[in-house]
């Protein structure tokens, strides 16, 4: 039953984070990039702290190890990732397709960091092939124009790559640090700390509240990112991180663009092309290779269940 629960949560997380790229693009028309990210986590952090006070046995970190865990989350998973991502996506040269492809490198980067910090989570050669196939599937699915990834907006695309690196390293370090903390507490304090860091970065960059344009579309984008993509999304993420490990949970970067393509087909009447189907197929094969041992172990039980 836990495997089905994990799969369901994984798909929900992919759907939430896949649609977040669209909300970021929409909101950047009304907010300065880092200030937008900071306000997003002001809202999400306060909500999560209230939830932690209700749901967690202890809503505040106590030990040095617990505060270190929060510091890593705030610096790498929240501030580092989102400040760099929002700055990169604010450049018109960075399309949603290009950003999705670059961010999808996170699982590959996670594998490299895991080799250093988490030797028990190393992938085999077959697993690495699966990761590469997944990445290829994302490229086919996103269908960036030839040369669009490398041509133009080089600095902005390097910022997005830095965001993927920050997230991958944070994912591994939160597992490596010898400390435990309720998920709700970890998420709430990481969000608040990350928001504070991003406000400082925003001021350093010369951003101002006066640059904000108040409009319904911008406020809706902020609400979706704060409530759904941030509060709910990271709650699912940290839960799955404990269950699946750093390498496997970061495969969500591969699946999120799939949900983005489906949302475009359903709500925006975008074509479900041959390239989209091909991307699905490559990502699915990549998952089969990475998860082959778990699938092999599960097959006998599934056969018994079907026989009953």
C-alpha atoms as a PDB file:
ATOM      1  CA  UNK A   1       0.000   0.000   0.000  1.00  0.00           C
ATOM      2  CA  UNK A   2       2.836   2.423   0.785  1.00  0.00           C
ATOM      3  CA  UNK A   3       4.210   2.035  -2.742  1.00  0.00           C
ATOM      4  CA  UNK A   4       0.859   3.107  -4.220  1.00  0.00           C
ATOM      5  CA  UNK A   5       0.696   6.003  -1.792  1.00  0.00           C
ATOM      6  CA  UNK A   6       4.197   7.103  -2.749  1.00  0.00           C
ATOM      7  CA  UNK A   7       3.377   6.892  -6.453  1.00  0.00           C
ATOM      8  CA  UNK A   8       0.179   8.905  -6.028  1.00  0.00           C
ATOM      9  CA  UNK A   9       1.963  11.615  -4.041  1.00  0.00           C
ATOM     10  CA  UNK A  10       4.797  11.663  -6.572  1.00  0.00           C
ATOM     11  CA  UNK A  11       2.353  12.280  -9.437  1.00  0.00           C
ATOM     12  CA  UNK A  12       0.507  14.976  -7.482  1.00  0.00           C
ATOM     13  CA  UNK A  13       3.793  16.732  -6.775  1.00  0.00           C
ATOM     14  CA  UNK A  14       4.791  16.539 -10.445  1.00  0.00           C
ATOM     15  CA  UNK A  15       1.452  18.043 -11.481  1.00  0.00           C
ATOM     16  CA  UNK A  16       1.743  20.876  -8.958  1.00  0.00           C
ATOM     17  CA  UNK A  17       5.323  21.782  -9.784  1.00  0.00           C
ATOM     18  CA  UNK A  18       4.812  21.318 -13.522  1.00  0.00           C
ATOM     19  CA  UNK A  19       2.051  23.912 -13.563  1.00  0.00           C
ATOM     20  CA  UNK A  20       4.099  26.279 -11.377  1.00  0.00           C
ATOM     21  CA  UNK A  21       6.292  27.303 -14.339  1.00  0.00           C
ATOM     22  CA  UNK A  22       3.239  28.875 -15.966  1.00  0.00           C
ATOM     23  CA  UNK A  23       2.308  30.702 -12.744  1.00  0.00           C
ATOM     24  CA  UNK A  24       5.854  32.055 -12.374  1.00  0.00           C
ATOM     25  CA  UNK A  25       5.810  33.413 -15.934  1.00  0.00           C
ATOM     26  CA  UNK A  26       2.417  35.017 -15.349  1.00  0.00           C
ATOM     27  CA  UNK A  27       3.454  36.646 -12.079  1.00  0.00           C
ATOM     28  CA  UNK A  28       6.756  38.011 -13.371  1.00  0.00           C
ATOM     29  CA  UNK A  29       4.785  40.438 -15.533  1.00  0.00           C
ATOM     30  CA  UNK A  30       3.659  42.162 -12.322  1.00  0.00           C
ATOM     31  CA  UNK A  31       6.452  41.609  -9.736  1.00  0.00           C
ATOM     32  CA  UNK A  32      10.236  42.072  -9.651  1.00  0.00           C
ATOM     33  CA  UNK A  33      11.654  38.518  -9.740  1.00  0.00           C
ATOM     34  CA  UNK A  34      13.340  38.032  -6.354  1.00  0.00           C
ATOM     35  CA  UNK A  35      10.740  40.121  -4.522  1.00  0.00           C
ATOM     36  CA  UNK A  36       8.053  37.951  -6.143  1.00  0.00           C
ATOM     37  CA  UNK A  37       9.774  34.815  -4.846  1.00  0.00           C
ATOM     38  CA  UNK A  38      10.238  36.365  -1.392  1.00  0.00           C
ATOM     39  CA  UNK A  39       6.585  37.398  -1.016  1.00  0.00           C
ATOM     40  CA  UNK A  40       5.550  33.944  -2.191  1.00  0.00           C
ATOM     41  CA  UNK A  41       7.397  32.430   0.752  1.00  0.00           C
ATOM     42  CA  UNK A  42       6.299  35.120   3.195  1.00  0.00           C
ATOM     43  CA  UNK A  43       2.767  33.863   2.648  1.00  0.00           C
ATOM     44  CA  UNK A  44       3.629  30.170   2.445  1.00  0.00           C
ATOM     45  CA  UNK A  45       5.943  30.335   5.470  1.00  0.00           C
ATOM     46  CA  UNK A  46       3.379  31.956   7.763  1.00  0.00           C
ATOM     47  CA  UNK A  47       0.734  29.441   6.729  1.00  0.00           C
ATOM     48  CA  UNK A  48       3.077  26.515   7.233  1.00  0.00           C
ATOM     49  CA  UNK A  49       4.208  27.774  10.632  1.00  0.00           C
ATOM     50  CA  UNK A  50       0.568  27.927  11.746  1.00  0.00           C
ATOM     51  CA  UNK A  51       0.064  24.402  10.419  1.00  0.00           C
ATOM     52  CA  UNK A  52       3.214  23.192  12.175  1.00  0.00           C
ATOM     53  CA  UNK A  53       2.000  24.678  15.464  1.00  0.00           C
ATOM     54  CA  UNK A  54      -1.191  22.634  15.073  1.00  0.00           C
ATOM     55  CA  UNK A  55       0.171  19.388  13.590  1.00  0.00           C
ATOM     56  CA  UNK A  56       3.707  18.933  14.940  1.00  0.00           C
ATOM     57  CA  UNK A  57       4.663  17.825  18.444  1.00  0.00           C
ATOM     58  CA  UNK A  58       7.294  20.545  18.537  1.00  0.00           C
ATOM     59  CA  UNK A  59       6.866  23.399  16.026  1.00  0.00           C
ATOM     60  CA  UNK A  60      10.313  24.884  16.697  1.00  0.00           C
ATOM     61  CA  UNK A  61      13.827  23.524  16.046  1.00  0.00           C
ATOM     62  CA  UNK A  62      15.733  22.992  19.287  1.00  0.00           C
ATOM     63  CA  UNK A  63      19.149  21.473  18.669  1.00  0.00           C
ATOM     64  CA  UNK A  64      22.089  22.721  16.628  1.00  0.00           C
ATOM     65  CA  UNK A  65      21.563  19.878  14.183  1.00  0.00           C
ATOM     66  CA  UNK A  66      17.915  20.825  13.682  1.00  0.00           C
ATOM     67  CA  UNK A  67      18.778  24.469  13.073  1.00  0.00           C
ATOM     68  CA  UNK A  68      21.477  23.350  10.635  1.00  0.00           C
ATOM     69  CA  UNK A  69      18.834  21.341   8.776  1.00  0.00           C
ATOM     70  CA  UNK A  70      16.620  24.430   8.593  1.00  0.00           C
ATOM     71  CA  UNK A  71      19.535  26.585   7.446  1.00  0.00           C
ATOM     72  CA  UNK A  72      20.295  24.208   4.569  1.00  0.00           C
ATOM     73  CA  UNK A  73      16.642  24.144   3.563  1.00  0.00           C
ATOM     74  CA  UNK A  74      16.314  27.924   3.737  1.00  0.00           C
ATOM     75  CA  UNK A  75      19.536  28.626   1.873  1.00  0.00           C
ATOM     76  CA  UNK A  76      19.547  25.960  -0.847  1.00  0.00           C
ATOM     77  CA  UNK A  77      16.022  24.571  -1.291  1.00  0.00           C
ATOM     78  CA  UNK A  78      14.181  27.877  -0.869  1.00  0.00           C
ATOM     79  CA  UNK A  79      16.329  30.992  -1.377  1.00  0.00           C
ATOM     80  CA  UNK A  80      19.016  29.627  -3.673  1.00  0.00           C
ATOM     81  CA  UNK A  81      16.698  27.688  -5.937  1.00  0.00           C
ATOM     82  CA  UNK A  82      13.881  30.225  -6.245  1.00  0.00           C
ATOM     83  CA  UNK A  83      15.918  33.432  -6.432  1.00  0.00           C
ATOM     84  CA  UNK A  84      18.021  31.998  -9.255  1.00  0.00           C
ATOM     85  CA  UNK A  85      15.037  30.449 -11.038  1.00  0.00           C
ATOM     86  CA  UNK A  86      12.918  33.604 -10.920  1.00  0.00           C
ATOM     87  CA  UNK A  87      15.840  35.753 -12.077  1.00  0.00           C
ATOM     88  CA  UNK A  88      16.549  33.379 -14.927  1.00  0.00           C
ATOM     89  CA  UNK A  89      12.924  33.137 -16.060  1.00  0.00           C
ATOM     90  CA  UNK A  90      12.566  36.925 -16.017  1.00  0.00           C
ATOM     91  CA  UNK A  91      14.764  37.013 -19.134  1.00  0.00           C
ATOM     92  CA  UNK A  92      12.584  36.726 -22.281  1.00  0.00           C
ATOM     93  CA  UNK A  93      15.300  34.551 -23.838  1.00  0.00           C
ATOM     94  CA  UNK A  94      14.559  31.831 -21.260  1.00  0.00           C
ATOM     95  CA  UNK A  95      11.410  30.145 -22.494  1.00  0.00           C
ATOM     96  CA  UNK A  96       9.372  27.809 -20.326  1.00  0.00           C
ATOM     97  CA  UNK A  97      10.682  24.898 -22.417  1.00  0.00           C
ATOM     98  CA  UNK A  98      14.303  25.909 -21.906  1.00  0.00           C
ATOM     99  CA  UNK A  99      13.809  26.415 -18.159  1.00  0.00           C
ATOM    100  CA  UNK A 100      12.082  23.036 -17.813  1.00  0.00           C
ATOM    101  CA  UNK A 101      14.928  21.251 -19.577  1.00  0.00           C
ATOM    102  CA  UNK A 102      17.606  22.959 -17.488  1.00  0.00           C
ATOM    103  CA  UNK A 103      15.798  22.314 -14.186  1.00  0.00           C
ATOM    104  CA  UNK A 104      15.342  18.677 -15.169  1.00  0.00           C
ATOM    105  CA  UNK A 105      19.103  18.267 -14.807  1.00  0.00           C
ATOM    106  CA  UNK A 106      18.545  18.265 -11.039  1.00  0.00           C
ATOM    107  CA  UNK A 107      18.291  14.443 -10.742  1.00  0.00           C
ATOM    108  CA  UNK A 108      21.585  14.019 -12.589  1.00  0.00           C
ATOM    109  CA  UNK A 109      23.226  16.597 -10.330  1.00  0.00           C
ATOM    110  CA  UNK A 110      21.685  14.909  -7.290  1.00  0.00           C
ATOM    111  CA  UNK A 111      23.296  11.635  -8.324  1.00  0.00           C
ATOM    112  CA  UNK A 112      26.683  13.318  -8.366  1.00  0.00           C
ATOM    113  CA  UNK A 113      26.196  14.895  -4.936  1.00  0.00           C
ATOM    114  CA  UNK A 114      24.831  11.623  -3.542  1.00  0.00           C
ATOM    115  CA  UNK A 115      28.050   9.863  -4.578  1.00  0.00           C
ATOM    116  CA  UNK A 116      29.889  12.218  -2.237  1.00  0.00           C
ATOM    117  CA  UNK A 117      27.502  12.462   0.717  1.00  0.00           C
ATOM    118  CA  UNK A 118      25.222   9.399   0.496  1.00  0.00           C
ATOM    119  CA  UNK A 119      27.183   6.393  -0.781  1.00  0.00           C
ATOM    120  CA  UNK A 120      24.262   4.038  -0.060  1.00  0.00           C
ATOM    121  CA  UNK A 121      22.142   5.833  -2.678  1.00  0.00           C
ATOM    122  CA  UNK A 122      24.488   5.513  -5.643  1.00  0.00           C
ATOM    123  CA  UNK A 123      22.965   4.505  -8.955  1.00  0.00           C
ATOM    124  CA  UNK A 124      24.215   1.598 -11.027  1.00  0.00           C
ATOM    125  CA  UNK A 125      25.226   1.978 -14.669  1.00  0.00           C
ATOM    126  CA  UNK A 126      21.732   0.896 -15.706  1.00  0.00           C
ATOM    127  CA  UNK A 127      20.253   3.507 -13.369  1.00  0.00           C
ATOM    128  CA  UNK A 128      22.401   6.220 -14.930  1.00  0.00           C
ATOM    129  CA  UNK A 129      21.188   5.121 -18.379  1.00  0.00           C
ATOM    130  CA  UNK A 130      17.626   5.457 -17.066  1.00  0.00           C
ATOM    131  CA  UNK A 131      18.318   8.980 -15.847  1.00  0.00           C
ATOM    132  CA  UNK A 132      19.772   9.938 -19.227  1.00  0.00           C
ATOM    133  CA  UNK A 133      16.758   8.511 -21.058  1.00  0.00           C
ATOM    134  CA  UNK A 134      14.482  10.516 -18.779  1.00  0.00           C
ATOM    135  CA  UNK A 135      16.387  13.686 -19.555  1.00  0.00           C
ATOM    136  CA  UNK A 136      16.208  12.932 -23.275  1.00  0.00           C
ATOM    137  CA  UNK A 137      12.464  12.452 -22.931  1.00  0.00           C
ATOM    138  CA  UNK A 138      12.136  15.883 -21.316  1.00  0.00           C
ATOM    139  CA  UNK A 139      14.087  17.450 -24.202  1.00  0.00           C
ATOM    140  CA  UNK A 140      11.836  15.735 -26.775  1.00  0.00           C
ATOM    141  CA  UNK A 141       8.726  16.738 -24.831  1.00  0.00           C
ATOM    142  CA  UNK A 142       9.732  20.389 -24.362  1.00  0.00           C
ATOM    143  CA  UNK A 143      10.772  20.695 -28.012  1.00  0.00           C
ATOM    144  CA  UNK A 144      12.965  23.796 -27.616  1.00  0.00           C
ATOM    145  CA  UNK A 145      13.793  25.448 -30.911  1.00  0.00           C
ATOM    146  CA  UNK A 146      17.143  24.362 -32.364  1.00  0.00           C
ATOM    147  CA  UNK A 147      19.864  26.345 -30.646  1.00  0.00           C
ATOM    148  CA  UNK A 148      17.431  28.009 -28.234  1.00  0.00           C
ATOM    149  CA  UNK A 149      18.988  26.361 -25.192  1.00  0.00           C
ATOM    150  CA  UNK A 150      22.475  27.631 -25.921  1.00  0.00           C
ATOM    151  CA  UNK A 151      21.806  30.750 -27.998  1.00  0.00           C
ATOM    152  CA  UNK A 152      20.870  33.993 -26.262  1.00  0.00           C
ATOM    153  CA  UNK A 153      20.274  34.610 -22.582  1.00  0.00           C
ATOM    154  CA  UNK A 154      23.383  32.650 -21.623  1.00  0.00           C
ATOM    155  CA  UNK A 155      23.703  34.329 -18.216  1.00  0.00           C
ATOM    156  CA  UNK A 156      20.006  33.802 -17.463  1.00  0.00           C
ATOM    157  CA  UNK A 157      20.221  30.128 -18.397  1.00  0.00           C
ATOM    158  CA  UNK A 158      23.272  29.731 -16.194  1.00  0.00           C
ATOM    159  CA  UNK A 159      21.182  31.194 -13.357  1.00  0.00           C
ATOM    160  CA  UNK A 160      18.531  28.518 -13.933  1.00  0.00           C
ATOM    161  CA  UNK A 161      21.265  25.883 -13.982  1.00  0.00           C
ATOM    162  CA  UNK A 162      22.487  27.303 -10.675  1.00  0.00           C
ATOM    163  CA  UNK A 163      18.953  26.922  -9.323  1.00  0.00           C
ATOM    164  CA  UNK A 164      18.916  23.232 -10.284  1.00  0.00           C
ATOM    165  CA  UNK A 165      22.328  22.766  -8.653  1.00  0.00           C
ATOM    166  CA  UNK A 166      21.187  24.468  -5.449  1.00  0.00           C
ATOM    167  CA  UNK A 167      18.099  22.286  -5.206  1.00  0.00           C
ATOM    168  CA  UNK A 168      19.993  19.058  -5.881  1.00  0.00           C
ATOM    169  CA  UNK A 169      22.652  19.832  -3.273  1.00  0.00           C
ATOM    170  CA  UNK A 170      20.024  20.827  -0.711  1.00  0.00           C
ATOM    171  CA  UNK A 171      18.120  17.591  -1.290  1.00  0.00           C
ATOM    172  CA  UNK A 172      21.211  15.530  -0.526  1.00  0.00           C
ATOM    173  CA  UNK A 173      22.432  17.583   2.428  1.00  0.00           C
ATOM    174  CA  UNK A 174      19.077  17.421   4.227  1.00  0.00           C
ATOM    175  CA  UNK A 175      19.483  13.635   4.163  1.00  0.00           C
ATOM    176  CA  UNK A 176      23.164  13.739   5.104  1.00  0.00           C
ATOM    177  CA  UNK A 177      22.775  15.932   8.211  1.00  0.00           C
ATOM    178  CA  UNK A 178      22.381  13.788  11.331  1.00  0.00           C
ATOM    179  CA  UNK A 179      19.224  15.406  12.669  1.00  0.00           C
ATOM    180  CA  UNK A 180      15.496  14.801  12.576  1.00  0.00           C
ATOM    181  CA  UNK A 181      12.705  17.338  12.527  1.00  0.00           C
ATOM    182  CA  UNK A 182       8.963  17.087  11.832  1.00  0.00           C
ATOM    183  CA  UNK A 183       8.269  17.754   8.165  1.00  0.00           C
ATOM    184  CA  UNK A 184       5.909  20.611   8.970  1.00  0.00           C
ATOM    185  CA  UNK A 185       8.475  22.307  11.216  1.00  0.00           C
ATOM    186  CA  UNK A 186      11.284  21.864   8.703  1.00  0.00           C
ATOM    187  CA  UNK A 187       9.202  23.291   5.879  1.00  0.00           C
ATOM    188  CA  UNK A 188       7.813  26.264   7.829  1.00  0.00           C
ATOM    189  CA  UNK A 189      11.132  27.517   9.187  1.00  0.00           C
ATOM    190  CA  UNK A 190      12.953  26.874   5.911  1.00  0.00           C
ATOM    191  CA  UNK A 191      10.355  28.934   4.069  1.00  0.00           C
ATOM    192  CA  UNK A 192      10.541  31.817   6.535  1.00  0.00           C
ATOM    193  CA  UNK A 193      14.335  31.774   6.533  1.00  0.00           C
ATOM    194  CA  UNK A 194      14.441  31.519   2.753  1.00  0.00           C
ATOM    195  CA  UNK A 195      11.994  34.417   2.396  1.00  0.00           C
ATOM    196  CA  UNK A 196      14.162  36.569   4.677  1.00  0.00           C
ATOM    197  CA  UNK A 197      17.242  35.761   2.612  1.00  0.00           C
ATOM    198  CA  UNK A 198      15.431  36.596  -0.619  1.00  0.00           C
ATOM    199  CA  UNK A 199      14.212  39.929   0.757  1.00  0.00           C
ATOM    200  CA  UNK A 200      17.841  40.775   1.499  1.00  0.00           C
ATOM    201  CA  UNK A 201      18.851  39.737  -2.033  1.00  0.00           C
ATOM    202  CA  UNK A 202      15.967  41.760  -3.471  1.00  0.00           C
ATOM    203  CA  UNK A 203      17.110  44.895  -1.646  1.00  0.00           C
ATOM    204  CA  UNK A 204      20.700  44.285  -2.744  1.00  0.00           C
ATOM    205  CA  UNK A 205      19.526  44.073  -6.361  1.00  0.00           C
ATOM    206  CA  UNK A 206      17.668  47.383  -6.078  1.00  0.00           C
ATOM    207  CA  UNK A 207      14.182  45.920  -6.390  1.00  0.00           C
ATOM    208  CA  UNK A 208      11.344  47.942  -4.910  1.00  0.00           C
ATOM    209  CA  UNK A 209       7.728  47.446  -3.839  1.00  0.00           C
ATOM    210  CA  UNK A 210       7.008  50.430  -6.063  1.00  0.00           C
ATOM    211  CA  UNK A 211       7.781  48.230  -9.059  1.00  0.00           C
ATOM    212  CA  UNK A 212       4.852  45.923  -8.251  1.00  0.00           C
ATOM    213  CA  UNK A 213       1.759  46.207 -10.452  1.00  0.00           C
ATOM    214  CA  UNK A 214      -1.420  45.200  -8.612  1.00  0.00           C
ATOM    215  CA  UNK A 215      -3.582  43.078 -10.911  1.00  0.00           C
ATOM    216  CA  UNK A 216      -5.856  40.070 -10.535  1.00  0.00           C
ATOM    217  CA  UNK A 217      -3.668  37.819 -12.689  1.00  0.00           C
ATOM    218  CA  UNK A 218      -0.557  38.610 -10.657  1.00  0.00           C
ATOM    219  CA  UNK A 219      -2.358  38.027  -7.354  1.00  0.00           C
ATOM    220  CA  UNK A 220      -3.776  34.723  -8.603  1.00  0.00           C
ATOM    221  CA  UNK A 221      -0.305  33.611  -9.656  1.00  0.00           C
ATOM    222  CA  UNK A 222       1.055  34.566  -6.233  1.00  0.00           C
ATOM    223  CA  UNK A 223      -1.755  32.712  -4.453  1.00  0.00           C
ATOM    224  CA  UNK A 224      -1.240  29.550  -6.492  1.00  0.00           C
ATOM    225  CA  UNK A 225       2.518  29.572  -5.992  1.00  0.00           C
ATOM    226  CA  UNK A 226       2.280  30.273  -2.248  1.00  0.00           C
ATOM    227  CA  UNK A 227      -0.579  27.958  -1.303  1.00  0.00           C
ATOM    228  CA  UNK A 228      -0.325  25.082  -3.761  1.00  0.00           C
ATOM    229  CA  UNK A 229       3.170  24.953  -5.256  1.00  0.00           C
ATOM    230  CA  UNK A 230       4.959  26.022  -2.062  1.00  0.00           C
ATOM    231  CA  UNK A 231       2.997  24.997   1.028  1.00  0.00           C
ATOM    232  CA  UNK A 232       1.384  21.825  -0.305  1.00  0.00           C
ATOM    233  CA  UNK A 233       4.142  20.990  -2.777  1.00  0.00           C
ATOM    234  CA  UNK A 234       7.007  21.082  -0.301  1.00  0.00           C
ATOM    235  CA  UNK A 235       5.014  19.203   2.315  1.00  0.00           C
ATOM    236  CA  UNK A 236       4.696  16.348  -0.197  1.00  0.00           C
ATOM    237  CA  UNK A 237       8.322  16.740  -1.274  1.00  0.00           C
ATOM    238  CA  UNK A 238       9.834  16.399   2.192  1.00  0.00           C
ATOM    239  CA  UNK A 239       7.570  13.458   2.973  1.00  0.00           C
ATOM    240  CA  UNK A 240       8.674  11.633  -0.180  1.00  0.00           C
ATOM    241  CA  UNK A 241      12.307  12.588   0.386  1.00  0.00           C
ATOM    242  CA  UNK A 242      12.297  10.557   3.583  1.00  0.00           C
ATOM    243  CA  UNK A 243      10.591   7.600   1.901  1.00  0.00           C
ATOM    244  CA  UNK A 244      12.298   7.462  -1.487  1.00  0.00           C
ATOM    245  CA  UNK A 245      15.706   9.072  -1.076  1.00  0.00           C
ATOM    246  CA  UNK A 246      17.326  12.058  -2.756  1.00  0.00           C
ATOM    247  CA  UNK A 247      17.974  10.479  -6.157  1.00  0.00           C
ATOM    248  CA  UNK A 248      14.498   9.068  -6.804  1.00  0.00           C
ATOM    249  CA  UNK A 249      12.485  12.025  -5.514  1.00  0.00           C
ATOM    250  CA  UNK A 250      14.353  14.413  -7.813  1.00  0.00           C
ATOM    251  CA  UNK A 251      13.019  12.428 -10.770  1.00  0.00           C
ATOM    252  CA  UNK A 252       9.943  14.621 -10.299  1.00  0.00           C
ATOM    253  CA  UNK A 253      11.858  17.097 -12.477  1.00  0.00           C
ATOM    254  CA  UNK A 254      11.369  14.677 -15.363  1.00  0.00           C
ATOM    255  CA  UNK A 255       7.654  14.150 -14.832  1.00  0.00           C
ATOM    256  CA  UNK A 256       6.629  17.773 -14.179  1.00  0.00           C
ATOM    257  CA  UNK A 257       6.994  18.800 -17.871  1.00  0.00           C
ATOM    258  CA  UNK A 258       4.702  15.909 -18.790  1.00  0.00           C
ATOM    259  CA  UNK A 259       1.917  17.418 -16.710  1.00  0.00           C
ATOM    260  CA  UNK A 260       2.672  20.836 -18.161  1.00  0.00           C
ATOM    261  CA  UNK A 261       2.130  19.400 -21.660  1.00  0.00           C
ATOM    262  CA  UNK A 262      -1.112  17.702 -20.614  1.00  0.00           C
ATOM    263  CA  UNK A 263      -2.410  20.899 -19.001  1.00  0.00           C
ATOM    264  CA  UNK A 264      -1.664  22.800 -22.193  1.00  0.00           C
ATOM    265  CA  UNK A 265      -3.520  20.189 -24.241  1.00  0.00           C
ATOM    266  CA  UNK A 266      -6.592  20.151 -21.964  1.00  0.00           C
ATOM    267  CA  UNK A 267      -6.919  23.822 -21.034  1.00  0.00           C
ATOM    268  CA  UNK A 268      -5.099  25.685 -23.840  1.00  0.00           C
ATOM    269  CA  UNK A 269      -6.004  23.385 -26.760  1.00  0.00           C
ATOM    270  CA  UNK A 270      -2.356  22.750 -27.545  1.00  0.00           C
ATOM    271  CA  UNK A 271      -1.693  19.756 -29.789  1.00  0.00           C
ATOM    272  CA  UNK A 272      -0.621  16.458 -28.241  1.00  0.00           C
ATOM    273  CA  UNK A 273       2.086  15.844 -30.822  1.00  0.00           C
ATOM    274  CA  UNK A 274       4.195  12.858 -31.784  1.00  0.00           C
ATOM    275  CA  UNK A 275       7.080  14.519 -29.945  1.00  0.00           C
ATOM    276  CA  UNK A 276       4.991  14.654 -26.772  1.00  0.00           C
ATOM    277  CA  UNK A 277       4.119  10.967 -27.023  1.00  0.00           C
ATOM    278  CA  UNK A 278       7.783  10.154 -27.702  1.00  0.00           C
ATOM    279  CA  UNK A 279       8.806  12.138 -24.637  1.00  0.00           C
ATOM    280  CA  UNK A 280       6.320  10.215 -22.524  1.00  0.00           C
ATOM    281  CA  UNK A 281       7.754   6.924 -23.803  1.00  0.00           C
ATOM    282  CA  UNK A 282      11.375   7.846 -23.071  1.00  0.00           C
ATOM    283  CA  UNK A 283      10.544   9.086 -19.571  1.00  0.00           C
ATOM    284  CA  UNK A 284       8.586   5.908 -18.859  1.00  0.00           C
ATOM    285  CA  UNK A 285      11.473   3.696 -19.998  1.00  0.00           C
ATOM    286  CA  UNK A 286      13.848   5.760 -17.859  1.00  0.00           C
ATOM    287  CA  UNK A 287      11.662   5.174 -14.813  1.00  0.00           C
ATOM    288  CA  UNK A 288      11.535   1.449 -15.521  1.00  0.00           C
ATOM    289  CA  UNK A 289      15.329   1.282 -15.565  1.00  0.00           C
ATOM    290  CA  UNK A 290      15.805   3.344 -12.406  1.00  0.00           C
ATOM    291  CA  UNK A 291      13.045   1.528 -10.503  1.00  0.00           C
ATOM    292  CA  UNK A 292      13.635  -1.928 -11.995  1.00  0.00           C
ATOM    293  CA  UNK A 293      14.558  -3.577  -8.665  1.00  0.00           C
ATOM    294  CA  UNK A 294      11.535  -2.205  -6.822  1.00  0.00           C
ATOM    295  CA  UNK A 295       9.279  -3.210  -9.729  1.00  0.00           C
ATOM    296  CA  UNK A 296      10.801  -6.709  -9.850  1.00  0.00           C
ATOM    297  CA  UNK A 297      10.252  -7.115  -6.107  1.00  0.00           C
ATOM    298  CA  UNK A 298       6.643  -5.937  -6.402  1.00  0.00           C
ATOM    299  CA  UNK A 299       5.598  -8.143  -9.341  1.00  0.00           C
ATOM    300  CA  UNK A 300       5.097 -11.405  -7.355  1.00  0.00           C
ATOM    301  CA  UNK A 301       2.787  -9.672  -4.876  1.00  0.00           C
ATOM    302  CA  UNK A 302       0.821  -8.086  -7.710  1.00  0.00           C
ATOM    303  CA  UNK A 303       0.431 -11.475  -9.398  1.00  0.00           C
ATOM    304  CA  UNK A 304      -0.840 -12.971  -6.137  1.00  0.00           C
ATOM    305  CA  UNK A 305      -3.299 -10.104  -5.717  1.00  0.00           C
ATOM    306  CA  UNK A 306      -4.600 -10.526  -9.253  1.00  0.00           C
ATOM    307  CA  UNK A 307      -4.904 -14.273  -8.698  1.00  0.00           C
ATOM    308  CA  UNK A 308      -7.038 -13.683  -5.637  1.00  0.00           C
END
